[in-house]
Amino acid sequence: MSSGFRRPNPFLMACLLALLPFSPAPAFDNLHVASVPALAVLSDGRTGAVHYIALQISSDPGADGPVIQFSEINLGGGSLVGDDWKAGVRQAVLTALRHLGMDGRDWVVTVKNRSHNAMTDGMSASGAVAVGIMAAWRGDAIRPGVAMTGQIAPNGDILGVGSVPQKVEAAAREQFNTVLVPRGQSNMGDGNFGSQARRVAVIEVGTLDEAYHAMAGPRY
């Protein structure tokens, strides 16, 4: 990830999604796509960053899924992702399916982390992924200017994560106006949300439903 990675406009993001090395279309039908911004911290532990997670849901009647595959090709700003990151995505998909009332047996989900960092790990993006999966399937839009950090639990709760002040500061730097954080983490006790972060609305969310309501909605 890079602190200088700028948020693309929706048209550019749609073009990038179309160019991702996802599974070949002829084998599947009913494609659903979404891109969600998520917050992270660089390896120095002090610098927050914004990255984008591109999601594609394909329907394959022959699958025994949900099948989850990770596109880790560096082309186009992709990054490798660690075992914890992958585990968080898997949990996000399963939790989203439960909220949608589906079993996802015919789902093939392809995930690409768009970042200028060589490696990304941890589970703090899994809440945003769960929102993105639901939005992609429903055909809803991810609201512009809203980013999220938080780990998804199997029951849909949003669990606490680390380095929240640094992540909020990164979102402000990248001109987001709203950041969703786990319940109880809007005030980390030290007040060090930085000068830029004071321009951002920090909203606590405790469940996937709350996060979805704040981050996604019908297309107009």
Protein backbone atom coordinates (compact mmCIF):
# COMPACT_ATOMS: atom_id res chain seq x y z
CA MET A 1 0.00 0.00 0.00
CA SER A 2 1.05 3.54 -0.50
CA SER A 3 -0.11 6.62 1.34
CA GLY A 4 -0.15 8.38 -2.03
CA PHE A 5 -2.64 5.98 -3.64
CA ARG A 6 -5.49 8.23 -4.78
CA ARG A 7 -9.16 7.28 -4.90
CA PRO A 8 -10.22 6.71 -8.53
CA ASN A 9 -13.48 8.04 -9.89
CA PRO A 10 -16.35 5.55 -10.40
CA PHE A 11 -15.94 5.40 -14.20
CA LEU A 12 -12.24 4.62 -13.91
CA MET A 13 -12.94 1.99 -11.26
CA ALA A 14 -15.47 0.31 -13.55
CA CYS A 15 -12.88 0.21 -16.33
CA LEU A 16 -10.27 -1.25 -13.98
CA LEU A 17 -12.68 -3.92 -12.81
CA ALA A 18 -13.31 -4.89 -16.41
CA LEU A 19 -9.57 -5.35 -16.96
CA LEU A 20 -8.85 -7.46 -13.87
CA PRO A 21 -7.59 -11.00 -14.49
CA PHE A 22 -10.79 -12.59 -13.20
CA SER A 23 -12.10 -16.00 -14.18
CA PRO A 24 -12.95 -16.33 -17.88
CA ALA A 25 -16.50 -15.22 -18.56
CA PRO A 26 -17.55 -18.07 -20.89
CA ALA A 27 -17.60 -20.57 -18.00
CA PHE A 28 -19.90 -18.45 -15.86
CA ASP A 29 -22.96 -16.26 -15.98
CA ASN A 30 -24.67 -13.65 -13.79
CA LEU A 31 -21.57 -11.58 -13.03
CA HIS A 32 -21.77 -9.19 -10.07
CA VAL A 33 -18.96 -6.74 -9.28
CA ALA A 34 -18.13 -4.13 -6.66
CA SER A 35 -15.12 -2.23 -5.35
CA VAL A 36 -14.81 -1.23 -1.70
CA PRO A 37 -12.26 1.05 -0.03
CA ALA A 38 -10.65 -0.31 3.11
CA LEU A 39 -8.13 1.13 5.55
CA ALA A 40 -4.83 -0.33 6.60
CA VAL A 41 -1.52 0.63 8.15
CA LEU A 42 1.90 0.27 6.56
CA SER A 43 4.59 -2.01 7.94
CA ASP A 44 6.06 0.85 9.96
CA GLY A 45 2.96 0.70 12.17
CA ARG A 46 2.58 4.47 12.08
CA THR A 47 1.33 5.34 8.59
CA GLY A 48 -2.23 4.66 7.52
CA ALA A 49 -3.21 3.92 3.93
CA VAL A 50 -6.27 3.40 1.76
CA HIS A 51 -6.55 0.42 -0.55
CA TYR A 52 -9.34 -0.87 -2.79
CA ILE A 53 -10.73 -4.37 -2.92
CA ALA A 54 -12.23 -5.46 -6.24
CA LEU A 55 -14.85 -8.21 -5.93
CA GLN A 56 -16.45 -10.37 -8.59
CA ILE A 57 -19.19 -12.95 -7.99
CA SER A 58 -19.78 -15.47 -10.77
CA SER A 59 -22.40 -18.19 -10.90
CA ASP A 60 -21.16 -21.68 -11.83
CA PRO A 61 -23.83 -24.40 -11.48
CA GLY A 62 -21.08 -27.02 -11.32
CA ALA A 63 -19.29 -25.46 -8.37
CA ASP A 64 -19.39 -26.90 -4.87
CA GLY A 65 -18.91 -23.53 -3.26
CA PRO A 66 -18.69 -20.92 -2.33
CA VAL A 67 -15.36 -21.02 -4.15
CA ILE A 68 -13.09 -18.11 -3.23
CA GLN A 69 -10.05 -17.30 -5.32
CA PHE A 70 -7.51 -14.52 -4.97
CA SER A 71 -6.01 -12.60 -7.86
CA GLU A 72 -2.56 -11.60 -6.63
CA ILE A 73 -1.01 -10.46 -9.91
CA ASN A 74 0.94 -7.23 -9.43
CA LEU A 75 -0.28 -5.80 -12.76
CA GLY A 76 -2.51 -2.80 -12.19
CA GLY A 77 -1.59 -2.19 -8.56
CA GLY A 78 -2.40 -5.61 -7.17
CA SER A 79 -0.69 -7.01 -4.09
CA LEU A 80 0.01 -10.35 -2.52
CA VAL A 81 -2.21 -11.06 0.48
CA GLY A 82 -1.39 -13.05 3.60
CA ASP A 83 -3.15 -15.98 5.24
CA ASP A 84 -4.98 -13.81 7.79
CA TRP A 85 -6.24 -11.49 5.04
CA LYS A 86 -7.55 -14.48 3.09
CA ALA A 87 -9.18 -15.95 6.21
CA GLY A 88 -10.91 -12.62 6.81
CA VAL A 89 -12.25 -12.57 3.24
CA ARG A 90 -13.55 -16.13 3.56
CA GLN A 91 -15.36 -15.19 6.76
CA ALA A 92 -16.75 -12.09 5.06
CA VAL A 93 -18.19 -14.15 2.20
CA LEU A 94 -19.80 -16.70 4.52
CA THR A 95 -21.28 -14.01 6.76
CA ALA A 96 -22.61 -12.07 3.76
CA LEU A 97 -24.24 -15.23 2.43
CA ARG A 98 -26.02 -15.79 5.74
CA HIS A 99 -27.29 -12.21 5.70
CA LEU A 100 -28.51 -12.70 2.13
CA GLY A 101 -30.25 -15.96 3.07
CA MET A 102 -28.24 -17.98 0.56
CA ASP A 103 -25.93 -20.98 0.63
CA GLY A 104 -23.71 -19.80 -2.24
CA ARG A 105 -23.03 -23.28 -3.58
CA ASP A 106 -22.85 -21.98 -7.13
CA TRP A 107 -20.76 -18.92 -6.23
CA VAL A 108 -17.24 -18.31 -7.48
CA VAL A 109 -15.88 -15.20 -5.77
CA THR A 110 -12.71 -13.59 -7.09
CA VAL A 111 -10.96 -11.00 -4.95
CA LYS A 112 -8.18 -8.59 -5.86
CA ASN A 113 -6.56 -6.22 -3.40
CA ARG A 114 -5.62 -3.07 -5.31
CA SER A 115 -2.66 -1.47 -3.60
CA HIS A 116 0.86 -0.30 -4.24
CA ASN A 117 2.11 -2.41 -1.34
CA ALA A 118 3.80 -5.71 -2.15
CA MET A 119 2.02 -7.59 0.65
CA THR A 120 -1.17 -6.99 2.67
CA ASP A 121 -2.26 -9.00 5.69
CA GLY A 122 -4.62 -8.88 8.68
CA MET A 123 -8.40 -9.08 8.98
CA SER A 124 -9.35 -5.43 9.38
CA ALA A 125 -10.68 -5.19 5.81
CA SER A 126 -13.08 -8.12 6.22
CA GLY A 127 -16.00 -5.95 7.34
CA ALA A 128 -15.71 -3.83 4.21
CA VAL A 129 -15.47 -6.98 2.09
CA ALA A 130 -18.71 -8.31 3.60
CA VAL A 131 -20.45 -5.04 2.71
CA GLY A 132 -19.00 -5.21 -0.81
CA ILE A 133 -20.15 -8.79 -1.36
CA MET A 134 -23.72 -7.94 -0.36
CA ALA A 135 -23.72 -4.78 -2.48
CA ALA A 136 -22.37 -6.63 -5.52
CA TRP A 137 -25.04 -9.32 -5.27
CA ARG A 138 -27.88 -6.86 -4.72
CA GLY A 139 -26.69 -4.44 -7.37
CA ASP A 140 -26.36 -1.66 -4.81
CA ALA A 141 -23.77 1.10 -4.94
CA ILE A 142 -20.94 1.75 -2.50
CA ARG A 143 -21.45 5.31 -1.30
CA PRO A 144 -18.68 7.69 -2.42
CA GLY A 145 -16.54 9.18 0.32
CA VAL A 146 -17.10 6.38 2.85
CA ALA A 147 -14.31 4.04 4.00
CA MET A 148 -14.31 1.36 6.68
CA THR A 149 -12.08 -0.60 9.01
CA GLY A 150 -13.30 -3.50 11.13
CA GLN A 151 -13.18 -7.28 11.35
CA ILE A 152 -16.31 -9.29 10.57
CA ALA A 153 -17.42 -12.02 12.99
CA PRO A 154 -19.44 -15.10 11.97
CA ASN A 155 -22.58 -13.64 13.61
CA GLY A 156 -22.22 -10.35 11.72
CA ASP A 157 -20.70 -8.30 14.53
CA ILE A 158 -17.94 -5.82 13.63
CA LEU A 159 -14.94 -6.48 15.87
CA GLY A 160 -12.27 -4.05 16.99
CA VAL A 161 -9.03 -3.47 15.09
CA GLY A 162 -5.75 -1.66 15.68
CA SER A 163 -4.25 1.62 14.47
CA VAL A 164 -7.60 3.37 14.09
CA PRO A 165 -6.19 6.94 14.41
CA GLN A 166 -3.67 6.30 11.64
CA LYS A 167 -6.35 4.81 9.39
CA VAL A 168 -8.72 7.74 9.95
CA GLU A 169 -5.91 10.15 9.18
CA ALA A 170 -5.20 8.28 5.92
CA ALA A 171 -8.87 8.46 4.90
CA ALA A 172 -8.88 12.21 5.52
CA ARG A 173 -5.71 12.62 3.51
CA GLU A 174 -7.35 10.77 0.60
CA GLN A 175 -10.40 13.09 0.84
CA PHE A 176 -12.92 10.66 2.30
CA ASN A 177 -15.55 12.41 4.37
CA THR A 178 -16.77 9.47 6.50
CA VAL A 179 -14.98 6.60 8.20
CA LEU A 180 -16.77 3.63 9.77
CA VAL A 181 -15.00 2.11 12.77
CA PRO A 182 -15.95 -0.66 15.21
CA ARG A 183 -18.15 0.30 18.12
CA GLY A 184 -16.14 1.84 20.95
CA GLN A 185 -13.24 2.91 18.72
CA SER A 186 -14.25 6.41 17.64
CA ASN A 187 -12.32 7.77 20.62
CA MET A 188 -9.14 5.83 21.22
CA GLY A 189 -8.47 7.61 24.48
CA ASP A 190 -5.39 9.52 23.39
CA GLY A 191 -7.20 12.02 21.17
CA ASN A 192 -4.53 11.70 18.50
CA PHE A 193 -6.75 11.72 15.44
CA GLY A 194 -4.53 14.31 13.76
CA SER A 195 -5.37 17.64 12.16
CA GLN A 196 -6.63 16.20 8.86
CA ALA A 197 -8.79 13.59 10.57
CA ARG A 198 -10.82 16.27 12.32
CA ARG A 199 -12.49 16.96 8.96
CA VAL A 200 -13.83 13.40 8.80
CA ALA A 201 -17.04 12.10 10.36
CA VAL A 202 -16.09 9.00 12.37
CA ILE A 203 -19.12 6.71 12.80
CA GLU A 204 -19.19 3.63 14.99
CA VAL A 205 -20.82 0.47 13.64
CA GLY A 206 -21.40 -2.69 15.62
CA THR A 207 -22.95 -4.99 13.04
CA LEU A 208 -22.83 -5.77 9.33
CA ASP A 209 -26.34 -4.37 8.92
CA GLU A 210 -25.25 -1.03 10.41
CA ALA A 211 -22.15 -0.94 8.23
CA TYR A 212 -24.17 -1.76 5.11
CA HIS A 213 -26.70 0.97 5.83
CA ALA A 214 -23.89 3.54 6.18
CA MET A 215 -21.75 2.35 3.27
CA ALA A 216 -24.08 1.07 0.55
CA GLY A 217 -27.48 1.71 -0.92
CA PRO A 218 -29.66 1.45 -4.03
CA ARG A 219 -28.38 2.90 -7.29
CA TYR A 220 -30.32 5.91 -8.56
